[in-house]
Protein backbone atom coordinates (compact mmCIF):
# COMPACT_ATOMS: atom_id res chain seq x y z
CA MET A 1 -1.21 -6.93 13.69
CA SER A 2 -3.43 -4.07 12.31
CA TYR A 3 -5.70 -3.62 9.36
CA PHE A 4 -6.67 -0.71 7.53
CA ALA A 5 -9.46 0.07 5.11
CA TYR A 6 -8.65 2.73 2.83
CA LEU A 7 -10.17 5.05 -0.03
CA LEU A 8 -8.13 5.86 -3.43
CA LYS A 9 -8.72 8.69 -6.02
CA SER A 10 -7.61 8.59 -9.47
CA VAL A 11 -4.99 11.19 -10.29
CA SER A 12 -5.29 10.00 -14.01
CA ILE A 13 -5.99 12.88 -16.16
CA GLY A 14 -10.00 12.83 -17.07
CA THR A 15 -11.24 10.69 -14.43
CA LYS A 16 -13.06 10.77 -11.51
CA LYS A 17 -12.87 7.48 -10.05
CA THR A 18 -12.33 6.15 -6.34
CA TYR A 19 -11.55 2.75 -5.26
CA ALA A 20 -12.15 1.42 -1.62
CA GLY A 21 -10.09 -1.88 0.05
CA TYR A 22 -8.44 -2.88 3.14
CA SER A 23 -4.89 -4.16 3.70
CA THR A 24 -2.16 -4.68 6.27
CA ASP A 25 0.14 -2.17 4.49
CA VAL A 26 -1.78 0.64 2.58
CA GLU A 27 1.45 2.07 0.83
CA LYS A 28 2.69 -1.33 -0.23
CA ARG A 29 -0.95 -1.98 -1.90
CA LEU A 30 -0.87 1.77 -3.39
CA ILE A 31 2.27 0.35 -5.29
CA LYS A 32 0.62 -2.58 -6.66
CA HIS A 33 -2.28 -0.29 -7.72
CA ASN A 34 -0.41 1.92 -9.52
CA SER A 35 1.67 -1.16 -11.11
CA ASN A 36 -1.53 -2.30 -12.52
CA ILE A 37 -0.91 -5.52 -10.33
CA GLY A 38 -3.48 -4.58 -8.00
CA ALA A 39 -7.52 -5.00 -8.34
CA LYS A 40 -9.02 -5.29 -11.66
CA SER A 41 -10.97 -2.19 -11.77
CA THR A 42 -7.85 0.02 -10.60
CA ARG A 43 -5.82 -1.28 -13.78
CA GLY A 44 -5.09 1.77 -16.21
CA TYR A 45 -4.98 4.30 -13.47
CA LYS A 46 -2.84 6.26 -11.21
CA TRP A 47 -4.02 6.66 -7.60
CA LYS A 48 -3.31 8.49 -4.46
CA ILE A 49 -4.56 7.66 -0.70
CA VAL A 50 -7.39 9.80 0.25
CA TYR A 51 -8.08 8.23 3.51
CA GLN A 52 -7.29 5.00 5.80
CA LYS A 53 -8.84 4.02 9.00
CA LYS A 54 -6.91 1.69 11.38
CA PHE A 55 -8.70 -1.62 12.66
CA LYS A 56 -7.36 -4.11 15.15
CA THR A 57 -9.04 -6.96 13.30
CA LYS A 58 -9.62 -8.12 9.39
CA SER A 59 -13.21 -8.52 9.92
CA GLU A 60 -13.74 -4.87 10.87
CA ALA A 61 -11.53 -3.64 8.34
CA MET A 62 -13.53 -5.46 5.80
CA SER A 63 -16.63 -4.45 7.20
CA TYR A 64 -15.85 -0.86 6.75
CA GLU A 65 -14.28 -1.46 3.47
CA TYR A 66 -17.79 -2.77 2.37
CA LYS A 67 -19.62 0.42 3.87
CA LEU A 68 -17.15 2.75 1.61
CA LYS A 69 -17.82 0.73 -1.18
CA ASN A 70 -21.57 0.96 -0.73
CA ASP A 71 -22.08 4.35 0.87
CA LYS A 72 -21.41 7.16 -1.88
CA ILE A 73 -22.46 9.85 0.91
CA LEU A 74 -19.76 8.35 2.89
CA ARG A 75 -17.42 8.52 0.16
CA ASN A 76 -18.07 12.03 -0.85
CA THR A 77 -18.02 13.12 2.77
CA ILE A 78 -14.46 11.65 3.02
CA LEU A 79 -13.58 13.34 -0.53
CA GLN A 80 -14.54 16.43 0.65
CA LYS A 81 -13.06 16.28 4.34
CA PHE A 82 -9.40 14.59 3.40
CA ASP A 83 -8.87 15.33 -0.65
CA LYS A 84 -6.59 18.60 -0.43
């Protein structure tokens, strides 16, 4: 099984939020976020996937998710490179 760390960006008007997470199925997880049954901090917003990275283990994906959550410079670099 593969695991993914991902970065979402809000497409709701007037917001500039991002959200980092991990999942085995990013598309399915995005549907949950956009249906207000995802993480509490994502409720009330609409999201798009900006970036995802594949890992062999859950631990690796969780470690990278932690890095995304805590490294604003990395988040901004990813947004500039992949948010088209």
